Amino acid sequence: MLSDDDNNIDILDKLESAHLSWQHIKVMLISGASFFTDAYDLFVIGVVLLMIIPIFNLDSTLAGLVASSALFGAVIGPIIFGYIGDKFGRVFSYWTTVLILVIGALGSAFSFSVLELIAWLSY
């Protein structure tokens, strides 16, 4: 009988000997695009914050809330959608998060108040 270590080595050998296919490239592009959009969303808030402080006339407390609301969504989102991915599948979870990202970005772009912006950023 094979031990768990033998099974792991067998799986690793199969992975190492696999030839590059369109599926590998597709997974790489999708995961790369996901990482890019998530990282872009988190890093751009610092630049955008400098532009929206005079627009919404923000004090330091509200500016901090705007900046931290994006981080709040980045922490809570994976917890919720990790569970959803386990229950309903990764593809469903992925496309649901993409849809939420698009809706949140559009809502943020058309925010008329700082509280609305905070809500959309944490969405």
PDB file of N, CA and C in Angstrom:
ATOM      1  N   MET A   1       0.850  -1.176   0.000  1.00  0.00           N
ATOM      2  CA  MET A   1       0.000   0.000   0.000  1.00  0.00           C
ATOM      3  C   MET A   1       0.890   1.231   0.000  1.00  0.00           C
ATOM      4  N   LEU A   2       0.484   2.247  -0.758  1.00  0.00           N
ATOM      5  CA  LEU A   2       1.255   3.479  -0.853  1.00  0.00           C
ATOM      6  C   LEU A   2       0.932   4.396   0.318  1.00  0.00           C
ATOM      7  N   SER A   3       1.964   5.034   0.814  1.00  0.00           N
ATOM      8  CA  SER A   3       1.750   5.999   1.892  1.00  0.00           C
ATOM      9  C   SER A   3       1.374   7.353   1.277  1.00  0.00           C
ATOM     10  N   ASP A   4       0.984   8.299   2.125  1.00  0.00           N
ATOM     11  CA  ASP A   4       0.645   9.637   1.642  1.00  0.00           C
ATOM     12  C   ASP A   4       1.828  10.302   0.962  1.00  0.00           C
ATOM     13  N   ASP A   5       3.027  10.065   1.469  1.00  0.00           N
ATOM     14  CA  ASP A   5       4.220  10.641   0.854  1.00  0.00           C
ATOM     15  C   ASP A   5       4.425  10.097  -0.557  1.00  0.00           C
ATOM     16  N   ASP A   6       4.178   8.790  -0.750  1.00  0.00           N
ATOM     17  CA  ASP A   6       4.314   8.199  -2.080  1.00  0.00           C
ATOM     18  C   ASP A   6       3.278   8.775  -3.036  1.00  0.00           C
ATOM     19  N   ASN A   7       2.048   8.985  -2.562  1.00  0.00           N
ATOM     20  CA  ASN A   7       1.008   9.585  -3.402  1.00  0.00           C
ATOM     21  C   ASN A   7       1.378  11.005  -3.793  1.00  0.00           C
ATOM     22  N   ASN A   8       1.918  11.783  -2.843  1.00  0.00           N
ATOM     23  CA  ASN A   8       2.321  13.155  -3.137  1.00  0.00           C
ATOM     24  C   ASN A   8       3.435  13.199  -4.161  1.00  0.00           C
ATOM     25  N   ILE A   9       4.405  12.291  -4.054  1.00  0.00           N
ATOM     26  CA  ILE A   9       5.509  12.240  -5.005  1.00  0.00           C
ATOM     27  C   ILE A   9       4.985  11.864  -6.385  1.00  0.00           C
ATOM     28  N   ASP A  10       4.053  10.924  -6.456  1.00  0.00           N
ATOM     29  CA  ASP A  10       3.464  10.509  -7.725  1.00  0.00           C
ATOM     30  C   ASP A  10       2.729  11.676  -8.390  1.00  0.00           C
ATOM     31  N   ILE A  11       1.982  12.418  -7.624  1.00  0.00           N
ATOM     32  CA  ILE A  11       1.258  13.572  -8.167  1.00  0.00           C
ATOM     33  C   ILE A  11       2.241  14.634  -8.642  1.00  0.00           C
ATOM     34  N   LEU A  12       3.271  14.896  -7.858  1.00  0.00           N
ATOM     35  CA  LEU A  12       4.277  15.880  -8.258  1.00  0.00           C
ATOM     36  C   LEU A  12       4.996  15.455  -9.526  1.00  0.00           C
ATOM     37  N   ASP A  13       5.287  14.168  -9.661  1.00  0.00           N
ATOM     38  CA  ASP A  13       5.923  13.679 -10.887  1.00  0.00           C
ATOM     39  C   ASP A  13       5.026  13.909 -12.100  1.00  0.00           C
ATOM     40  N   LYS A  14       3.737  13.656 -11.942  1.00  0.00           N
ATOM     41  CA  LYS A  14       2.800  13.883 -13.047  1.00  0.00           C
ATOM     42  C   LYS A  14       2.714  15.367 -13.399  1.00  0.00           C
ATOM     43  N   LEU A  15       2.710  16.222 -12.398  1.00  0.00           N
ATOM     44  CA  LEU A  15       2.669  17.658 -12.665  1.00  0.00           C
ATOM     45  C   LEU A  15       3.931  18.136 -13.363  1.00  0.00           C
ATOM     46  N   GLU A  16       5.069  17.640 -12.922  1.00  0.00           N
ATOM     47  CA  GLU A  16       6.342  18.056 -13.517  1.00  0.00           C
ATOM     48  C   GLU A  16       6.481  17.583 -14.964  1.00  0.00           C
ATOM     49  N   SER A  17       5.905  16.440 -15.295  1.00  0.00           N
ATOM     50  CA  SER A  17       6.046  15.907 -16.648  1.00  0.00           C
ATOM     51  C   SER A  17       4.934  16.368 -17.588  1.00  0.00           C
ATOM     52  N   ALA A  18       3.966  17.128 -17.086  1.00  0.00           N
ATOM     53  CA  ALA A  18       2.861  17.595 -17.931  1.00  0.00           C
ATOM     54  C   ALA A  18       3.369  18.625 -18.939  1.00  0.00           C
ATOM     55  N   HIS A  19       2.859  18.528 -20.158  1.00  0.00           N
ATOM     56  CA  HIS A  19       3.220  19.471 -21.209  1.00  0.00           C
ATOM     57  C   HIS A  19       2.339  20.706 -21.116  1.00  0.00           C
ATOM     58  N   LEU A  20       2.891  21.842 -21.510  1.00  0.00           N
ATOM     59  CA  LEU A  20       2.150  23.097 -21.486  1.00  0.00           C
ATOM     60  C   LEU A  20       0.986  23.028 -22.466  1.00  0.00           C
ATOM     61  N   SER A  21      -0.193  23.350 -21.971  1.00  0.00           N
ATOM     62  CA  SER A  21      -1.378  23.314 -22.831  1.00  0.00           C
ATOM     63  C   SER A  21      -2.122  24.631 -22.715  1.00  0.00           C
ATOM     64  N   TRP A  22      -3.175  24.767 -23.534  1.00  0.00           N
ATOM     65  CA  TRP A  22      -4.006  25.967 -23.499  1.00  0.00           C
ATOM     66  C   TRP A  22      -4.661  26.122 -22.124  1.00  0.00           C
ATOM     67  N   GLN A  23      -5.003  25.043 -21.465  1.00  0.00           N
ATOM     68  CA  GLN A  23      -5.603  25.108 -20.128  1.00  0.00           C
ATOM     69  C   GLN A  23      -4.646  25.754 -19.130  1.00  0.00           C
ATOM     70  N   HIS A  24      -3.352  25.412 -19.212  1.00  0.00           N
ATOM     71  CA  HIS A  24      -2.357  26.019 -18.329  1.00  0.00           C
ATOM     72  C   HIS A  24      -2.277  27.533 -18.555  1.00  0.00           C
ATOM     73  N   ILE A  25      -2.247  27.923 -19.810  1.00  0.00           N
ATOM     74  CA  ILE A  25      -2.159  29.350 -20.144  1.00  0.00           C
ATOM     75  C   ILE A  25      -3.423  30.082 -19.696  1.00  0.00           C
ATOM     76  N   LYS A  26      -4.571  29.459 -19.913  1.00  0.00           N
ATOM     77  CA  LYS A  26      -5.844  30.067 -19.506  1.00  0.00           C
ATOM     78  C   LYS A  26      -5.895  30.285 -17.987  1.00  0.00           C
ATOM     79  N   VAL A  27      -5.504  29.280 -17.227  1.00  0.00           N
ATOM     80  CA  VAL A  27      -5.493  29.409 -15.767  1.00  0.00           C
ATOM     81  C   VAL A  27      -4.506  30.491 -15.346  1.00  0.00           C
ATOM     82  N   MET A  28      -3.347  30.536 -15.990  1.00  0.00           N
ATOM     83  CA  MET A  28      -2.350  31.546 -15.658  1.00  0.00           C
ATOM     84  C   MET A  28      -2.877  32.955 -15.959  1.00  0.00           C
ATOM     85  N   LEU A  29      -3.530  33.153 -17.090  1.00  0.00           N
ATOM     86  CA  LEU A  29      -4.062  34.465 -17.445  1.00  0.00           C
ATOM     87  C   LEU A  29      -5.201  34.891 -16.521  1.00  0.00           C
ATOM     88  N   ILE A  30      -6.076  33.970 -16.190  1.00  0.00           N
ATOM     89  CA  ILE A  30      -7.194  34.300 -15.306  1.00  0.00           C
ATOM     90  C   ILE A  30      -6.696  34.638 -13.909  1.00  0.00           C
ATOM     91  N   SER A  31      -5.790  33.828 -13.383  1.00  0.00           N
ATOM     92  CA  SER A  31      -5.289  34.118 -12.040  1.00  0.00           C
ATOM     93  C   SER A  31      -4.429  35.384 -12.044  1.00  0.00           C
ATOM     94  N   GLY A  32      -3.698  35.631 -13.097  1.00  0.00           N
ATOM     95  CA  GLY A  32      -2.917  36.869 -13.205  1.00  0.00           C
ATOM     96  C   GLY A  32      -3.804  38.094 -13.284  1.00  0.00           C
ATOM     97  N   ALA A  33      -4.894  37.998 -14.056  1.00  0.00           N
ATOM     98  CA  ALA A  33      -5.833  39.114 -14.151  1.00  0.00           C
ATOM     99  C   ALA A  33      -6.515  39.363 -12.808  1.00  0.00           C
ATOM    100  N   SER A  34      -6.821  38.304 -12.099  1.00  0.00           N
ATOM    101  CA  SER A  34      -7.437  38.449 -10.772  1.00  0.00           C
ATOM    102  C   SER A  34      -6.491  39.147  -9.814  1.00  0.00           C
ATOM    103  N   PHE A  35      -5.243  38.717  -9.800  1.00  0.00           N
ATOM    104  CA  PHE A  35      -4.262  39.347  -8.918  1.00  0.00           C
ATOM    105  C   PHE A  35      -4.056  40.803  -9.298  1.00  0.00           C
ATOM    106  N   PHE A  36      -3.982  41.080 -10.601  1.00  0.00           N
ATOM    107  CA  PHE A  36      -3.770  42.456 -11.057  1.00  0.00           C
ATOM    108  C   PHE A  36      -4.905  43.364 -10.620  1.00  0.00           C
ATOM    109  N   THR A  37      -6.157  42.949 -10.826  1.00  0.00           N
ATOM    110  CA  THR A  37      -7.278  43.811 -10.466  1.00  0.00           C
ATOM    111  C   THR A  37      -7.353  44.022  -8.962  1.00  0.00           C
ATOM    112  N   ASP A  38      -7.071  42.997  -8.195  1.00  0.00           N
ATOM    113  CA  ASP A  38      -7.097  43.132  -6.740  1.00  0.00           C
ATOM    114  C   ASP A  38      -5.985  44.067  -6.276  1.00  0.00           C
ATOM    115  N   ALA A  39      -4.777  43.866  -6.776  1.00  0.00           N
ATOM    116  CA  ALA A  39      -3.647  44.713  -6.388  1.00  0.00           C
ATOM    117  C   ALA A  39      -3.848  46.149  -6.864  1.00  0.00           C
ATOM    118  N   TYR A  40      -4.344  46.309  -8.075  1.00  0.00           N
ATOM    119  CA  TYR A  40      -4.596  47.651  -8.611  1.00  0.00           C
ATOM    120  C   TYR A  40      -5.611  48.383  -7.748  1.00  0.00           C
ATOM    121  N   ASP A  41      -6.669  47.698  -7.375  1.00  0.00           N
ATOM    122  CA  ASP A  41      -7.711  48.296  -6.547  1.00  0.00           C
ATOM    123  C   ASP A  41      -7.146  48.765  -5.209  1.00  0.00           C
ATOM    124  N   LEU A  42      -6.246  48.000  -4.622  1.00  0.00           N
ATOM    125  CA  LEU A  42      -5.678  48.362  -3.322  1.00  0.00           C
ATOM    126  C   LEU A  42      -4.610  49.450  -3.426  1.00  0.00           C
ATOM    127  N   PHE A  43      -3.813  49.426  -4.471  1.00  0.00           N
ATOM    128  CA  PHE A  43      -2.720  50.386  -4.581  1.00  0.00           C
ATOM    129  C   PHE A  43      -3.160  51.735  -5.148  1.00  0.00           C
ATOM    130  N   VAL A  44      -4.176  51.751  -5.972  1.00  0.00           N
ATOM    131  CA  VAL A  44      -4.581  53.003  -6.606  1.00  0.00           C
ATOM    132  C   VAL A  44      -5.299  53.934  -5.629  1.00  0.00           C
ATOM    133  N   ILE A  45      -5.822  53.395  -4.523  1.00  0.00           N
ATOM    134  CA  ILE A  45      -6.570  54.229  -3.586  1.00  0.00           C
ATOM    135  C   ILE A  45      -5.692  55.344  -3.021  1.00  0.00           C
ATOM    136  N   GLY A  46      -4.408  55.097  -2.843  1.00  0.00           N
ATOM    137  CA  GLY A  46      -3.512  56.139  -2.339  1.00  0.00           C
ATOM    138  C   GLY A  46      -3.389  57.312  -3.289  1.00  0.00           C
ATOM    139  N   VAL A  47      -3.311  57.038  -4.575  1.00  0.00           N
ATOM    140  CA  VAL A  47      -3.219  58.098  -5.583  1.00  0.00           C
ATOM    141  C   VAL A  47      -4.557  58.810  -5.713  1.00  0.00           C
ATOM    142  N   VAL A  48      -5.614  58.047  -5.787  1.00  0.00           N
ATOM    143  CA  VAL A  48      -6.950  58.623  -5.958  1.00  0.00           C
ATOM    144  C   VAL A  48      -7.337  59.441  -4.735  1.00  0.00           C
ATOM    145  N   LEU A  49      -6.911  59.015  -3.566  1.00  0.00           N
ATOM    146  CA  LEU A  49      -7.238  59.734  -2.336  1.00  0.00           C
ATOM    147  C   LEU A  49      -6.736  61.172  -2.395  1.00  0.00           C
ATOM    148  N   LEU A  50      -5.562  61.374  -2.970  1.00  0.00           N
ATOM    149  CA  LEU A  50      -5.032  62.731  -3.111  1.00  0.00           C
ATOM    150  C   LEU A  50      -5.929  63.596  -3.991  1.00  0.00           C
ATOM    151  N   MET A  51      -6.596  62.976  -4.954  1.00  0.00           N
ATOM    152  CA  MET A  51      -7.478  63.726  -5.846  1.00  0.00           C
ATOM    153  C   MET A  51      -8.856  63.977  -5.236  1.00  0.00           C
ATOM    154  N   ILE A  52      -9.344  63.039  -4.422  1.00  0.00           N
ATOM    155  CA  ILE A  52     -10.705  63.204  -3.901  1.00  0.00           C
ATOM    156  C   ILE A  52     -10.772  63.984  -2.591  1.00  0.00           C
ATOM    157  N   ILE A  53      -9.639  64.171  -1.927  1.00  0.00           N
ATOM    158  CA  ILE A  53      -9.652  64.981  -0.693  1.00  0.00           C
ATOM    159  C   ILE A  53     -10.196  66.385  -0.967  1.00  0.00           C
ATOM    160  N   PRO A  54      -9.714  67.088  -1.997  1.00  0.00           N
ATOM    161  CA  PRO A  54     -10.301  68.411  -2.241  1.00  0.00           C
ATOM    162  C   PRO A  54     -11.720  68.353  -2.826  1.00  0.00           C
ATOM    163  N   ILE A  55     -12.040  67.307  -3.564  1.00  0.00           N
ATOM    164  CA  ILE A  55     -13.379  67.211  -4.171  1.00  0.00           C
ATOM    165  C   ILE A  55     -14.449  67.068  -3.105  1.00  0.00           C
ATOM    166  N   PHE A  56     -14.216  66.153  -2.142  1.00  0.00           N
ATOM    167  CA  PHE A  56     -15.192  65.928  -1.076  1.00  0.00           C
ATOM    168  C   PHE A  56     -14.874  66.727   0.189  1.00  0.00           C
ATOM    169  N   ASN A  57     -13.805  67.527   0.142  1.00  0.00           N
ATOM    170  CA  ASN A  57     -13.406  68.346   1.282  1.00  0.00           C
ATOM    171  C   ASN A  57     -13.228  67.483   2.544  1.00  0.00           C
ATOM    172  N   LEU A  58     -12.386  66.463   2.428  1.00  0.00           N
ATOM    173  CA  LEU A  58     -12.225  65.470   3.489  1.00  0.00           C
ATOM    174  C   LEU A  58     -11.250  65.933   4.562  1.00  0.00           C
ATOM    175  N   ASP A  59     -11.585  65.636   5.802  1.00  0.00           N
ATOM    176  CA  ASP A  59     -10.615  65.795   6.875  1.00  0.00           C
ATOM    177  C   ASP A  59      -9.829  64.489   6.995  1.00  0.00           C
ATOM    178  N   SER A  60      -8.888  64.428   7.917  1.00  0.00           N
ATOM    179  CA  SER A  60      -8.020  63.253   8.012  1.00  0.00           C
ATOM    180  C   SER A  60      -8.788  61.998   8.433  1.00  0.00           C
ATOM    181  N   THR A  61      -9.824  62.154   9.246  1.00  0.00           N
ATOM    182  CA  THR A  61     -10.608  60.991   9.676  1.00  0.00           C
ATOM    183  C   THR A  61     -11.351  60.370   8.503  1.00  0.00           C
ATOM    184  N   LEU A  62     -12.030  61.194   7.719  1.00  0.00           N
ATOM    185  CA  LEU A  62     -12.765  60.665   6.562  1.00  0.00           C
ATOM    186  C   LEU A  62     -11.818  60.131   5.495  1.00  0.00           C
ATOM    187  N   ALA A  63     -10.675  60.782   5.317  1.00  0.00           N
ATOM    188  CA  ALA A  63      -9.690  60.270   4.353  1.00  0.00           C
ATOM    189  C   ALA A  63      -9.194  58.895   4.779  1.00  0.00           C
ATOM    190  N   GLY A  64      -8.980  58.714   6.083  1.00  0.00           N
ATOM    191  CA  GLY A  64      -8.576  57.407   6.597  1.00  0.00           C
ATOM    192  C   GLY A  64      -9.654  56.360   6.411  1.00  0.00           C
ATOM    193  N   LEU A  65     -10.913  56.751   6.595  1.00  0.00           N
ATOM    194  CA  LEU A  65     -12.024  55.810   6.379  1.00  0.00           C
ATOM    195  C   LEU A  65     -12.130  55.402   4.916  1.00  0.00           C
ATOM    196  N   VAL A  66     -11.935  56.354   4.014  1.00  0.00           N
ATOM    197  CA  VAL A  66     -11.973  56.026   2.583  1.00  0.00           C
ATOM    198  C   VAL A  66     -10.859  55.038   2.241  1.00  0.00           C
ATOM    199  N   ALA A  67      -9.651  55.318   2.724  1.00  0.00           N
ATOM    200  CA  ALA A  67      -8.517  54.443   2.422  1.00  0.00           C
ATOM    201  C   ALA A  67      -8.698  53.060   3.034  1.00  0.00           C
ATOM    202  N   SER A  68      -9.214  52.998   4.255  1.00  0.00           N
ATOM    203  CA  SER A  68      -9.341  51.699   4.918  1.00  0.00           C
ATOM    204  C   SER A  68     -10.551  50.907   4.455  1.00  0.00           C
ATOM    205  N   SER A  69     -11.529  51.564   3.825  1.00  0.00           N
ATOM    206  CA  SER A  69     -12.709  50.818   3.369  1.00  0.00           C
ATOM    207  C   SER A  69     -12.351  49.828   2.261  1.00  0.00           C
ATOM    208  N   ALA A  70     -11.417  50.200   1.393  1.00  0.00           N
ATOM    209  CA  ALA A  70     -10.975  49.262   0.355  1.00  0.00           C
ATOM    210  C   ALA A  70     -10.271  48.064   0.985  1.00  0.00           C
ATOM    211  N   LEU A  71      -9.484  48.316   2.014  1.00  0.00           N
ATOM    212  CA  LEU A  71      -8.803  47.213   2.705  1.00  0.00           C
ATOM    213  C   LEU A  71      -9.803  46.321   3.435  1.00  0.00           C
ATOM    214  N   PHE A  72     -10.833  46.930   3.993  1.00  0.00           N
ATOM    215  CA  PHE A  72     -11.881  46.153   4.663  1.00  0.00           C
ATOM    216  C   PHE A  72     -12.514  45.164   3.686  1.00  0.00           C
ATOM    217  N   GLY A  73     -12.864  45.644   2.499  1.00  0.00           N
ATOM    218  CA  GLY A  73     -13.432  44.760   1.487  1.00  0.00           C
ATOM    219  C   GLY A  73     -12.460  43.680   1.043  1.00  0.00           C
ATOM    220  N   ALA A  74     -11.173  44.011   1.009  1.00  0.00           N
ATOM    221  CA  ALA A  74     -10.159  43.036   0.595  1.00  0.00           C
ATOM    222  C   ALA A  74      -9.933  41.956   1.649  1.00  0.00           C
ATOM    223  N   VAL A  75     -10.277  42.237   2.891  1.00  0.00           N
ATOM    224  CA  VAL A  75     -10.136  41.239   3.955  1.00  0.00           C
ATOM    225  C   VAL A  75     -11.395  40.383   4.066  1.00  0.00           C
ATOM    226  N   ILE A  76     -12.544  41.019   4.046  1.00  0.00           N
ATOM    227  CA  ILE A  76     -13.810  40.303   4.224  1.00  0.00           C
ATOM    228  C   ILE A  76     -14.180  39.489   2.974  1.00  0.00           C
ATOM    229  N   GLY A  77     -13.904  40.036   1.794  1.00  0.00           N
ATOM    230  CA  GLY A  77     -14.265  39.365   0.548  1.00  0.00           C
ATOM    231  C   GLY A  77     -13.733  37.948   0.406  1.00  0.00           C
ATOM    232  N   PRO A  78     -12.433  37.729   0.601  1.00  0.00           N
ATOM    233  CA  PRO A  78     -11.919  36.365   0.479  1.00  0.00           C
ATOM    234  C   PRO A  78     -12.497  35.389   1.497  1.00  0.00           C
ATOM    235  N   ILE A  79     -12.817  35.881   2.677  1.00  0.00           N
ATOM    236  CA  ILE A  79     -13.429  34.994   3.675  1.00  0.00           C
ATOM    237  C   ILE A  79     -14.796  34.528   3.192  1.00  0.00           C
ATOM    238  N   ILE A  80     -15.601  35.479   2.735  1.00  0.00           N
ATOM    239  CA  ILE A  80     -16.955  35.149   2.270  1.00  0.00           C
ATOM    240  C   ILE A  80     -16.906  34.309   0.997  1.00  0.00           C
ATOM    241  N   PHE A  81     -16.105  34.747   0.027  1.00  0.00           N
ATOM    242  CA  PHE A  81     -16.107  34.041  -1.253  1.00  0.00           C
ATOM    243  C   PHE A  81     -15.274  32.776  -1.237  1.00  0.00           C
ATOM    244  N   GLY A  82     -14.409  32.605  -0.262  1.00  0.00           N
ATOM    245  CA  GLY A  82     -13.765  31.305  -0.069  1.00  0.00           C
ATOM    246  C   GLY A  82     -14.795  30.263   0.327  1.00  0.00           C
ATOM    247  N   TYR A  83     -15.679  30.662   1.236  1.00  0.00           N
ATOM    248  CA  TYR A  83     -16.768  29.769   1.661  1.00  0.00           C
ATOM    249  C   TYR A  83     -17.719  29.495   0.491  1.00  0.00           C
ATOM    250  N   ILE A  84     -18.084  30.541  -0.246  1.00  0.00           N
ATOM    251  CA  ILE A  84     -18.977  30.361  -1.399  1.00  0.00           C
ATOM    252  C   ILE A  84     -18.319  29.464  -2.446  1.00  0.00           C
ATOM    253  N   GLY A  85     -17.014  29.642  -2.646  1.00  0.00           N
ATOM    254  CA  GLY A  85     -16.295  28.791  -3.593  1.00  0.00           C
ATOM    255  C   GLY A  85     -16.292  27.333  -3.171  1.00  0.00           C
ATOM    256  N   ASP A  86     -16.189  27.084  -1.866  1.00  0.00           N
ATOM    257  CA  ASP A  86     -16.248  25.708  -1.376  1.00  0.00           C
ATOM    258  C   ASP A  86     -17.626  25.099  -1.580  1.00  0.00           C
ATOM    259  N   LYS A  87     -18.657  25.898  -1.413  1.00  0.00           N
ATOM    260  CA  LYS A  87     -20.040  25.391  -1.509  1.00  0.00           C
ATOM    261  C   LYS A  87     -20.541  25.281  -2.944  1.00  0.00           C
ATOM    262  N   PHE A  88     -20.243  26.288  -3.778  1.00  0.00           N
ATOM    263  CA  PHE A  88     -20.844  26.353  -5.116  1.00  0.00           C
ATOM    264  C   PHE A  88     -19.847  26.219  -6.257  1.00  0.00           C
ATOM    265  N   GLY A  89     -18.579  26.159  -5.936  1.00  0.00           N
ATOM    266  CA  GLY A  89     -17.568  25.991  -6.976  1.00  0.00           C
ATOM    267  C   GLY A  89     -16.767  27.266  -7.204  1.00  0.00           C
ATOM    268  N   ARG A  90     -15.536  27.079  -7.647  1.00  0.00           N
ATOM    269  CA  ARG A  90     -14.632  28.203  -7.850  1.00  0.00           C
ATOM    270  C   ARG A  90     -15.037  29.074  -9.020  1.00  0.00           C
ATOM    271  N   VAL A  91     -15.567  28.465 -10.066  1.00  0.00           N
ATOM    272  CA  VAL A  91     -15.950  29.251 -11.241  1.00  0.00           C
ATOM    273  C   VAL A  91     -17.079  30.210 -10.875  1.00  0.00           C
ATOM    274  N   PHE A  92     -18.090  29.719 -10.181  1.00  0.00           N
ATOM    275  CA  PHE A  92     -19.193  30.574  -9.746  1.00  0.00           C
ATOM    276  C   PHE A  92     -18.671  31.681  -8.836  1.00  0.00           C
ATOM    277  N   SER A  93     -17.818  31.329  -7.897  1.00  0.00           N
ATOM    278  CA  SER A  93     -17.266  32.309  -6.964  1.00  0.00           C
ATOM    279  C   SER A  93     -16.433  33.349  -7.699  1.00  0.00           C
ATOM    280  N   TYR A  94     -15.630  32.918  -8.655  1.00  0.00           N
ATOM    281  CA  TYR A  94     -14.775  33.843  -9.405  1.00  0.00           C
ATOM    282  C   TYR A  94     -15.612  34.853 -10.175  1.00  0.00           C
ATOM    283  N   TRP A  95     -16.572  34.374 -10.948  1.00  0.00           N
ATOM    284  CA  TRP A  95     -17.358  35.291 -11.775  1.00  0.00           C
ATOM    285  C   TRP A  95     -18.269  36.181 -10.942  1.00  0.00           C
ATOM    286  N   THR A  96     -18.693  35.701  -9.780  1.00  0.00           N
ATOM    287  CA  THR A  96     -19.467  36.548  -8.880  1.00  0.00           C
ATOM    288  C   THR A  96     -18.594  37.684  -8.352  1.00  0.00           C
ATOM    289  N   THR A  97     -17.356  37.386  -7.999  1.00  0.00           N
ATOM    290  CA  THR A  97     -16.473  38.446  -7.509  1.00  0.00           C
ATOM    291  C   THR A  97     -16.113  39.430  -8.620  1.00  0.00           C
ATOM    292  N   VAL A  98     -15.972  38.957  -9.849  1.00  0.00           N
ATOM    293  CA  VAL A  98     -15.719  39.863 -10.970  1.00  0.00           C
ATOM    294  C   VAL A  98     -16.899  40.804 -11.157  1.00  0.00           C
ATOM    295  N   LEU A  99     -18.108  40.269 -11.084  1.00  0.00           N
ATOM    296  CA  LEU A  99     -19.305  41.101 -11.220  1.00  0.00           C
ATOM    297  C   LEU A  99     -19.384  42.134 -10.091  1.00  0.00           C
ATOM    298  N   ILE A 100     -19.094  41.716  -8.885  1.00  0.00           N
ATOM    299  CA  ILE A 100     -19.105  42.639  -7.741  1.00  0.00           C
ATOM    300  C   ILE A 100     -18.033  43.708  -7.905  1.00  0.00           C
ATOM    301  N   LEU A 101     -16.866  43.335  -8.412  1.00  0.00           N
ATOM    302  CA  LEU A 101     -15.800  44.304  -8.644  1.00  0.00           C
ATOM    303  C   LEU A 101     -16.233  45.360  -9.654  1.00  0.00           C
ATOM    304  N   VAL A 102     -16.878  44.944 -10.724  1.00  0.00           N
ATOM    305  CA  VAL A 102     -17.344  45.883 -11.745  1.00  0.00           C
ATOM    306  C   VAL A 102     -18.422  46.805 -11.177  1.00  0.00           C
ATOM    307  N   ILE A 103     -19.385  46.231 -10.453  1.00  0.00           N
ATOM    308  CA  ILE A 103     -20.454  47.040  -9.856  1.00  0.00           C
ATOM    309  C   ILE A 103     -19.873  48.014  -8.832  1.00  0.00           C
ATOM    310  N   GLY A 104     -18.952  47.544  -7.998  1.00  0.00           N
ATOM    311  CA  GLY A 104     -18.318  48.413  -7.008  1.00  0.00           C
ATOM    312  C   GLY A 104     -17.503  49.530  -7.641  1.00  0.00           C
ATOM    313  N   ALA A 105     -16.800  49.235  -8.733  1.00  0.00           N
ATOM    314  CA  ALA A 105     -16.009  50.257  -9.422  1.00  0.00           C
ATOM    315  C   ALA A 105     -16.915  51.319 -10.038  1.00  0.00           C
ATOM    316  N   LEU A 106     -18.001  50.875 -10.659  1.00  0.00           N
ATOM    317  CA  LEU A 106     -18.943  51.847 -11.234  1.00  0.00           C
ATOM    318  C   LEU A 106     -19.617  52.678 -10.147  1.00  0.00           C
ATOM    319  N   GLY A 107     -20.003  52.033  -9.052  1.00  0.00           N
ATOM    320  CA  GLY A 107     -20.598  52.772  -7.943  1.00  0.00           C
ATOM    321  C   GLY A 107     -19.633  53.777  -7.351  1.00  0.00           C
ATOM    322  N   SER A 108     -18.364  53.401  -7.217  1.00  0.00           N
ATOM    323  CA  SER A 108     -17.350  54.323  -6.705  1.00  0.00           C
ATOM    324  C   SER A 108     -17.161  55.509  -7.649  1.00  0.00           C
ATOM    325  N   ALA A 109     -17.155  55.232  -8.937  1.00  0.00           N
ATOM    326  CA  ALA A 109     -16.942  56.298  -9.921  1.00  0.00           C
ATOM    327  C   ALA A 109     -18.070  57.321  -9.917  1.00  0.00           C
ATOM    328  N   PHE A 110     -19.277  56.886  -9.611  1.00  0.00           N
ATOM    329  CA  PHE A 110     -20.428  57.793  -9.653  1.00  0.00           C
ATOM    330  C   PHE A 110     -20.927  58.181  -8.266  1.00  0.00           C
ATOM    331  N   SER A 111     -20.077  58.108  -7.260  1.00  0.00           N
ATOM    332  CA  SER A 111     -20.453  58.485  -5.895  1.00  0.00           C
ATOM    333  C   SER A 111     -20.610  59.996  -5.790  1.00  0.00           C
ATOM    334  N   PHE A 112     -21.653  60.413  -5.098  1.00  0.00           N
ATOM    335  CA  PHE A 112     -21.913  61.833  -4.909  1.00  0.00           C
ATOM    336  C   PHE A 112     -21.549  62.316  -3.511  1.00  0.00           C
ATOM    337  N   SER A 113     -21.269  61.394  -2.596  1.00  0.00           N
ATOM    338  CA  SER A 113     -20.879  61.787  -1.247  1.00  0.00           C
ATOM    339  C   SER A 113     -19.779  60.843  -0.765  1.00  0.00           C
ATOM    340  N   VAL A 114     -19.098  61.284   0.279  1.00  0.00           N
ATOM    341  CA  VAL A 114     -18.005  60.472   0.802  1.00  0.00           C
ATOM    342  C   VAL A 114     -18.532  59.194   1.447  1.00  0.00           C
ATOM    343  N   LEU A 115     -19.690  59.248   2.072  1.00  0.00           N
ATOM    344  CA  LEU A 115     -20.261  58.033   2.673  1.00  0.00           C
ATOM    345  C   LEU A 115     -20.658  57.021   1.608  1.00  0.00           C
ATOM    346  N   GLU A 116     -21.174  57.508   0.511  1.00  0.00           N
ATOM    347  CA  GLU A 116     -21.503  56.623  -0.608  1.00  0.00           C
ATOM    348  C   GLU A 116     -20.229  55.998  -1.178  1.00  0.00           C
ATOM    349  N   LEU A 117     -19.175  56.797  -1.288  1.00  0.00           N
ATOM    350  CA  LEU A 117     -17.891  56.284  -1.776  1.00  0.00           C
ATOM    351  C   LEU A 117     -17.340  55.206  -0.849  1.00  0.00           C
ATOM    352  N   ILE A 118     -17.413  55.435   0.456  1.00  0.00           N
ATOM    353  CA  ILE A 118     -16.944  54.450   1.433  1.00  0.00           C
ATOM    354  C   ILE A 118     -17.720  53.153   1.294  1.00  0.00           C
ATOM    355  N   ALA A 119     -19.045  53.268   1.123  1.00  0.00           N
ATOM    356  CA  ALA A 119     -19.880  52.071   0.972  1.00  0.00           C
ATOM    357  C   ALA A 119     -19.499  51.298  -0.283  1.00  0.00           C
ATOM    358  N   TRP A 120     -19.309  51.990  -1.391  1.00  0.00           N
ATOM    359  CA  TRP A 120     -18.946  51.303  -2.632  1.00  0.00           C
ATOM    360  C   TRP A 120     -17.548  50.701  -2.578  1.00  0.00           C
ATOM    361  N   LEU A 121     -16.620  51.379  -1.937  1.00  0.00           N
ATOM    362  CA  LEU A 121     -15.255  50.849  -1.850  1.00  0.00           C
ATOM    363  C   LEU A 121     -15.199  49.590  -0.987  1.00  0.00           C
ATOM    364  N   SER A 122     -15.998  49.548   0.057  1.00  0.00           N
ATOM    365  CA  SER A 122     -15.978  48.349   0.907  1.00  0.00           C
ATOM    366  C   SER A 122     -16.850  47.254   0.333  1.00  0.00           C
ATOM    367  N   TYR A 123     -17.627  47.560  -0.693  1.00  0.00           N
ATOM    368  CA  TYR A 123     -18.496  46.595  -1.354  1.00  0.00           C
ATOM    369  C   TYR A 123     -17.619  45.679  -2.143  1.00  0.00           C
TER     370      TYR A 123
END
